[in-house]
């Protein structure tokens, strides 16, 4: 099998990787935005300082995922955009509000800073709810019935809880003192709502498609992956027990809840990827039916060889440079 025959699989893998990395990296900074408290400007400053060096670069992975979908699977891109046009437009409005608010809060007089912090929080909430709704509709195959829309709304709430959960874990790792304790309380409250969302998606995923149910119950790969929900629930439980005892002396283990949550995200995404492959659109369009011409794939393949390592490189470098606890914001 030559490289040209592997190209569709390579590109669906790259697109999946981009979505996974985006959901983790931009997920935690969306979560931090959602958790901004109304009663403490000092804590809001420290929370925004914890994501300041990263949040804009994290969104690069969303641009990469959408770009790969457009170029490598244009038929799927047109169907997904048509079915999710309104929630996608609302999501973009939320992202724009976040970007504007992040810059303006640093430049306006203190009288208006609370307003821009509120807009940043609102933009984060709108973005998270929109992404969760789109995920719910995608899983149901864009089923715009009362039941399908209801699941989309519940999915939106659960994805928002998931982002708040990983955002809270990020704050536990990056902050100290009262804010760290407050982040611990936020994380415990949102954790079980995220766990409910994980279980609900598992059930609906198997219920909406006999093919997916058969894949999980009648194949060796499905049987090997079947413990994923149990492992996720175990990690939720471990995190809850750890959070109950935090903060520890010398801040011991402050990074473990975030690591466990990243593992939960990876496991959940792996389960969804296994369920849907080789479909780009569940039960409607496969990778092979949606893929671009081989010449187009080869052209962007050589570009991806340079672009994706560059994105990975500066992402790793930025996290290495700004490793450690967040410090006070200073504007010059």
Protein backbone atom coordinates (compact mmCIF):
# COMPACT_ATOMS: atom_id res chain seq x y z
CA UNK A 1 0.00 0.00 0.00
CA UNK A 2 1.63 3.28 -1.12
CA UNK A 3 1.44 6.72 0.50
CA UNK A 4 -1.35 7.89 -1.81
CA UNK A 5 -3.64 5.10 -0.60
CA UNK A 6 -2.89 6.01 3.02
CA UNK A 7 -3.61 9.73 2.56
CA UNK A 8 -7.33 9.68 3.52
CA UNK A 9 -6.53 7.82 6.75
CA UNK A 10 -3.59 10.14 7.49
CA UNK A 11 -5.72 13.25 7.08
CA UNK A 12 -8.66 12.01 9.13
CA UNK A 13 -6.08 11.17 11.81
CA UNK A 14 -4.53 14.65 11.65
CA UNK A 15 -7.96 16.25 11.81
CA UNK A 16 -8.88 14.09 14.81
CA UNK A 17 -5.61 14.99 16.54
CA UNK A 18 -6.28 18.70 15.96
CA UNK A 19 -9.77 18.46 17.45
CA UNK A 20 -8.51 16.52 20.47
CA UNK A 21 -5.66 18.96 21.20
CA UNK A 22 -8.04 21.90 20.72
CA UNK A 23 -10.62 20.45 23.12
CA UNK A 24 -7.94 20.07 25.82
CA UNK A 25 -5.99 23.30 25.36
CA UNK A 26 -8.75 25.72 24.44
CA UNK A 27 -11.07 23.72 26.71
CA UNK A 28 -9.21 24.71 29.86
CA UNK A 29 -8.93 28.39 28.91
CA UNK A 30 -12.64 28.50 28.00
CA UNK A 31 -13.26 26.91 31.39
CA UNK A 32 -11.19 29.56 33.15
CA UNK A 33 -13.25 32.23 31.37
CA UNK A 34 -16.52 30.60 32.45
CA UNK A 35 -15.33 30.40 36.08
CA UNK A 36 -14.35 34.09 36.40
CA UNK A 37 -15.88 35.26 39.72
CA UNK A 38 -17.90 38.48 39.95
CA UNK A 39 -16.76 39.33 43.46
CA UNK A 40 -12.98 39.58 43.17
CA UNK A 41 -11.03 41.59 40.61
CA UNK A 42 -7.75 40.33 42.06
CA UNK A 43 -8.75 36.70 41.47
CA UNK A 44 -9.98 37.47 37.96
CA UNK A 45 -6.63 39.09 37.15
CA UNK A 46 -4.73 36.06 38.41
CA UNK A 47 -7.00 33.65 36.49
CA UNK A 48 -6.57 35.57 33.24
CA UNK A 49 -2.83 35.78 33.88
CA UNK A 50 -2.75 31.98 34.06
CA UNK A 51 -4.06 31.66 30.48
CA UNK A 52 -2.64 34.90 29.04
CA UNK A 53 0.42 33.42 27.29
CA UNK A 54 -1.53 30.50 25.80
CA UNK A 55 -5.19 31.17 25.04
CA UNK A 56 -4.80 32.77 21.62
CA UNK A 57 -2.37 30.11 20.35
CA UNK A 58 -4.66 27.35 21.63
CA UNK A 59 -7.28 28.38 19.05
CA UNK A 60 -4.79 27.61 16.27
CA UNK A 61 -5.79 23.96 16.59
CA UNK A 62 -9.43 24.80 15.78
CA UNK A 63 -8.33 26.68 12.65
CA UNK A 64 -6.15 23.72 11.66
CA UNK A 65 -8.99 21.21 12.15
CA UNK A 66 -11.47 23.25 10.10
CA UNK A 67 -8.84 23.86 7.42
CA UNK A 68 -8.09 20.15 7.11
CA UNK A 69 -11.80 19.38 6.90
CA UNK A 70 -12.29 21.96 4.15
CA UNK A 71 -9.33 20.89 2.03
CA UNK A 72 -9.21 17.13 2.62
CA UNK A 73 -12.96 16.42 2.96
CA UNK A 74 -14.81 19.25 1.18
CA UNK A 75 -18.08 17.32 0.78
CA UNK A 76 -18.24 16.67 4.51
CA UNK A 77 -17.32 20.30 5.22
CA UNK A 78 -20.24 21.59 3.15
CA UNK A 79 -22.74 19.23 4.82
CA UNK A 80 -21.52 19.97 8.36
CA UNK A 81 -21.50 23.73 7.77
CA UNK A 82 -25.00 23.57 6.27
CA UNK A 83 -26.39 21.58 9.19
CA UNK A 84 -24.58 23.55 11.91
CA UNK A 85 -24.49 27.00 10.33
CA UNK A 86 -26.35 28.82 13.13
CA UNK A 87 -24.52 27.31 16.14
CA UNK A 88 -21.19 27.72 14.28
CA UNK A 89 -21.96 31.41 13.69
CA UNK A 90 -22.89 31.83 17.37
CA UNK A 91 -19.64 30.10 18.36
CA UNK A 92 -17.63 32.52 16.21
CA UNK A 93 -19.42 35.45 17.86
CA UNK A 94 -18.40 34.04 21.24
CA UNK A 95 -14.77 33.70 20.13
CA UNK A 96 -14.78 37.28 18.81
CA UNK A 97 -16.21 38.57 22.10
CA UNK A 98 -13.46 36.74 24.00
CA UNK A 99 -10.70 38.20 21.84
CA UNK A 100 -12.02 41.76 22.03
CA UNK A 101 -12.69 41.58 25.76
CA UNK A 102 -9.26 40.11 26.54
CA UNK A 103 -7.49 43.05 24.91
CA UNK A 104 -9.88 45.79 26.04
CA UNK A 105 -9.79 44.80 29.72
CA UNK A 106 -6.08 45.62 29.69
CA UNK A 107 -6.54 49.06 28.10
CA UNK A 108 -9.67 50.60 29.61
CA UNK A 109 -9.82 52.53 32.85
CA UNK A 110 -10.60 50.42 35.90
CA UNK A 111 -14.22 51.65 35.94
CA UNK A 112 -15.01 49.57 32.85
CA UNK A 113 -12.77 46.57 33.50
CA UNK A 114 -15.55 44.66 35.26
CA UNK A 115 -17.70 45.07 32.15
CA UNK A 116 -15.08 43.61 29.85
CA UNK A 117 -14.43 40.77 32.28
CA UNK A 118 -18.15 40.00 32.12
CA UNK A 119 -18.03 40.03 28.32
CA UNK A 120 -15.05 37.66 28.38
CA UNK A 121 -17.00 35.33 30.66
CA UNK A 122 -20.10 35.57 28.45
CA UNK A 123 -18.08 34.90 25.29
CA UNK A 124 -16.50 31.82 26.90
CA UNK A 125 -19.93 30.53 27.93
CA UNK A 126 -21.46 31.11 24.49
CA UNK A 127 -18.54 29.36 22.77
CA UNK A 128 -18.71 26.33 25.07
CA UNK A 129 -22.48 25.92 24.80
CA UNK A 130 -22.30 26.21 21.00
CA UNK A 131 -19.56 23.61 20.69
CA UNK A 132 -21.43 21.23 22.97
CA UNK A 133 -24.65 21.66 21.00
CA UNK A 134 -22.80 20.99 17.74
CA UNK A 135 -21.25 17.84 19.22
CA UNK A 136 -24.68 16.60 20.30
CA UNK A 137 -26.22 17.21 16.88
CA UNK A 138 -23.25 15.57 15.16
CA UNK A 139 -23.57 12.41 17.29
CA UNK A 140 -27.28 12.11 16.42
CA UNK A 141 -26.56 12.59 12.70
CA UNK A 142 -28.05 16.12 12.66
CA UNK A 143 -31.42 14.85 13.86
CA UNK A 144 -33.39 18.09 14.30
CA UNK A 145 -36.33 16.51 16.09
CA UNK A 146 -37.46 17.49 19.58
CA UNK A 147 -35.49 14.59 21.02
CA UNK A 148 -32.38 15.38 18.97
CA UNK A 149 -32.41 19.08 19.86
CA UNK A 150 -32.97 18.23 23.53
CA UNK A 151 -29.91 15.99 23.46
CA UNK A 152 -27.96 18.80 21.77
CA UNK A 153 -28.92 21.21 24.57
CA UNK A 154 -27.96 18.70 27.27
CA UNK A 155 -24.70 18.04 25.42
CA UNK A 156 -24.03 21.79 25.38
CA UNK A 157 -24.45 21.99 29.16
CA UNK A 158 -22.26 18.93 29.74
CA UNK A 159 -19.46 20.16 27.44
CA UNK A 160 -19.57 23.50 29.26
CA UNK A 161 -19.22 21.58 32.53
CA UNK A 162 -16.31 19.60 31.02
CA UNK A 163 -14.50 22.80 30.04
CA UNK A 164 -15.16 24.26 33.49
CA UNK A 165 -13.83 21.05 35.02
CA UNK A 166 -10.55 21.05 33.11
CA UNK A 167 -10.32 24.83 33.62
CA UNK A 168 -10.69 24.36 37.36
CA UNK A 169 -7.96 21.68 37.32
CA UNK A 170 -5.73 24.12 35.41
CA UNK A 171 -6.29 26.78 38.09
CA UNK A 172 -5.47 24.30 40.87
CA UNK A 173 -2.16 23.64 39.11
CA UNK A 174 -1.37 27.30 38.32
CA UNK A 175 -2.57 29.21 41.41
CA UNK A 176 -2.16 29.27 45.18
CA UNK A 177 -3.99 30.28 48.33
CA UNK A 178 -7.66 31.27 48.37
CA UNK A 179 -8.03 31.14 44.61
CA UNK A 180 -6.66 27.59 44.51
CA UNK A 181 -9.11 26.53 47.22
CA UNK A 182 -11.95 28.19 45.37
CA UNK A 183 -10.92 26.46 42.13
CA UNK A 184 -11.01 23.14 44.00
CA UNK A 185 -14.63 23.77 44.99
CA UNK A 186 -15.58 24.77 41.43
CA UNK A 187 -13.91 21.65 40.02
CA UNK A 188 -15.69 19.26 42.36
CA UNK A 189 -19.09 20.78 41.49
CA UNK A 190 -18.59 20.55 37.74
CA UNK A 191 -16.92 17.13 37.72
CA UNK A 192 -19.98 14.98 38.21
CA UNK A 193 -21.98 16.91 35.61
CA UNK A 194 -19.20 16.14 33.15
CA UNK A 195 -19.30 12.50 34.26
CA UNK A 196 -23.05 12.44 33.61
CA UNK A 197 -22.40 13.85 30.13
CA UNK A 198 -19.81 11.15 29.37
CA UNK A 199 -22.23 8.37 30.34
CA UNK A 200 -25.10 9.99 28.42
CA UNK A 201 -23.03 10.26 25.24
CA UNK A 202 -22.01 6.59 25.60
CA UNK A 203 -25.65 5.50 25.89
CA UNK A 204 -26.95 7.71 23.06
CA UNK A 205 -24.03 6.75 20.83
CA UNK A 206 -24.96 3.07 21.11
CA UNK A 207 -28.70 3.74 20.90
CA UNK A 208 -28.79 5.83 17.71
CA UNK A 209 -26.90 3.34 15.55
CA UNK A 210 -27.13 -0.48 15.42
CA UNK A 211 -23.83 -0.46 13.50
CA UNK A 212 -22.02 1.32 16.35
CA UNK A 213 -23.60 -1.04 18.90
CA UNK A 214 -22.42 -4.02 16.86
CA UNK A 215 -18.91 -2.57 16.55
CA UNK A 216 -18.62 -2.25 20.34
CA UNK A 217 -20.12 -5.63 21.22
CA UNK A 218 -19.19 -7.94 18.34
CA UNK A 219 -15.59 -7.02 17.49
CA UNK A 220 -12.37 -7.67 19.34
CA UNK A 221 -11.45 -3.97 19.26
CA UNK A 222 -14.80 -2.99 20.74
CA UNK A 223 -14.48 -5.51 23.55
CA UNK A 224 -10.99 -4.21 24.34
CA UNK A 225 -12.25 -0.62 24.43
CA UNK A 226 -15.47 -1.42 26.30
CA UNK A 227 -13.92 -0.60 29.75
CA UNK A 228 -13.31 3.03 28.66
CA UNK A 229 -16.44 4.39 30.45
CA UNK A 230 -15.48 2.50 33.62
CA UNK A 231 -11.92 3.84 33.49
CA UNK A 232 -13.28 7.37 33.03
CA UNK A 233 -15.61 6.98 36.02
CA UNK A 234 -12.68 5.67 38.04
CA UNK A 235 -10.61 8.72 37.17
CA UNK A 236 -13.51 11.02 38.10
CA UNK A 237 -13.72 9.28 41.48
CA UNK A 238 -9.95 9.51 42.04
CA UNK A 239 -10.00 13.20 41.17
CA UNK A 240 -12.91 13.83 43.54
CA UNK A 241 -11.08 12.14 46.42
CA UNK A 242 -7.90 14.09 45.65
CA UNK A 243 -9.74 17.40 45.37
CA UNK A 244 -11.39 16.81 48.72
CA UNK A 245 -7.94 16.78 50.37
CA UNK A 246 -6.44 19.73 48.47
CA UNK A 247 -4.41 21.81 48.83
CA UNK A 248 -1.71 19.48 50.14
CA UNK A 249 1.40 20.55 52.01
CA UNK A 250 3.94 22.14 49.63
CA UNK A 251 1.25 21.96 46.95
CA UNK A 252 2.05 18.28 46.44
CA UNK A 253 0.20 16.68 43.53
CA UNK A 254 -1.48 19.87 42.33
CA UNK A 255 -0.92 18.75 38.73
CA UNK A 256 -2.51 15.31 39.08
CA UNK A 257 -6.19 16.36 38.65
CA UNK A 258 -5.31 18.13 35.40
CA UNK A 259 -3.38 15.08 34.14
CA UNK A 260 -6.27 12.76 35.01
CA UNK A 261 -8.71 15.05 33.22
CA UNK A 262 -6.52 15.11 30.10
CA UNK A 263 -6.59 11.29 30.15
CA UNK A 264 -10.41 11.39 30.42
CA UNK A 265 -10.58 13.69 27.38
CA UNK A 266 -8.27 11.38 25.40
CA UNK A 267 -10.26 8.26 26.33
CA UNK A 268 -13.61 9.88 25.48
CA UNK A 269 -12.32 11.12 22.14
CA UNK A 270 -10.82 7.70 21.36
CA UNK A 271 -14.19 6.09 22.03
CA UNK A 272 -15.99 8.50 19.71
CA UNK A 273 -13.36 8.08 17.00
CA UNK A 274 -13.67 4.29 17.18
CA UNK A 275 -17.47 4.53 17.04
CA UNK A 276 -17.64 6.70 13.94
CA UNK A 277 -14.67 5.59 11.81
CA UNK A 278 -14.68 5.29 8.80
CA UNK A 279 -17.56 7.79 8.70
CA UNK A 280 -16.82 11.53 8.57
CA UNK A 281 -20.52 12.15 9.09
CA UNK A 282 -22.13 9.39 11.20
CA UNK A 283 -23.87 6.79 9.06
CA UNK A 284 -23.99 9.18 6.07
CA UNK A 285 -20.58 9.79 4.51
CA UNK A 286 -17.37 7.79 4.80
CA UNK A 287 -13.80 9.03 4.61
CA UNK A 288 -13.41 7.50 1.15
CA UNK A 289 -16.58 9.14 -0.18
CA UNK A 290 -15.75 12.61 1.14
CA UNK A 291 -12.02 12.77 0.38
CA UNK A 292 -10.48 15.22 -2.10
CA UNK A 293 -8.53 14.28 -5.22
CA UNK A 294 -5.21 12.57 -4.58
CA UNK A 295 -3.32 15.50 -6.19
CA UNK A 296 -4.88 17.94 -3.70
CA UNK A 297 -4.08 15.66 -0.77
CA UNK A 298 -0.45 15.27 -1.84
CA UNK A 299 -0.07 19.04 -2.14
CA UNK A 300 -1.32 19.76 1.39
CA UNK A 301 0.43 16.67 2.77
CA UNK A 302 3.84 18.24 2.18
CA UNK A 303 2.64 21.47 3.73
CA UNK A 304 1.32 19.61 6.77
CA UNK A 305 4.72 17.95 7.27
CA UNK A 306 6.18 21.40 8.02
CA UNK A 307 3.19 23.23 9.53
CA UNK A 308 2.03 20.73 12.15
CA UNK A 309 5.49 20.15 13.71
CA UNK A 310 5.93 23.96 13.78
CA UNK A 311 2.63 24.38 15.67
CA UNK A 312 3.57 21.58 18.05
CA UNK A 313 7.01 23.11 18.54
CA UNK A 314 5.90 26.60 19.49
CA UNK A 315 3.09 25.17 21.66
CA UNK A 316 5.54 23.07 23.66
CA UNK A 317 8.02 25.96 23.81
CA UNK A 318 5.41 28.43 25.14
CA UNK A 319 4.31 26.02 27.88
CA UNK A 320 7.93 25.40 28.80
CA UNK A 321 8.70 29.13 29.05
CA UNK A 322 5.64 29.95 31.16
CA UNK A 323 5.76 26.85 33.34
CA UNK A 324 4.98 27.30 37.03
CA UNK A 325 2.51 29.32 39.03
CA UNK A 326 0.76 32.33 37.48
CA UNK A 327 1.95 35.73 38.68
CA UNK A 328 0.27 39.13 38.87
CA UNK A 329 -0.70 40.84 35.64
CA UNK A 330 1.51 43.75 34.63
CA UNK A 331 0.76 45.97 31.62
CA UNK A 332 3.32 48.35 30.16
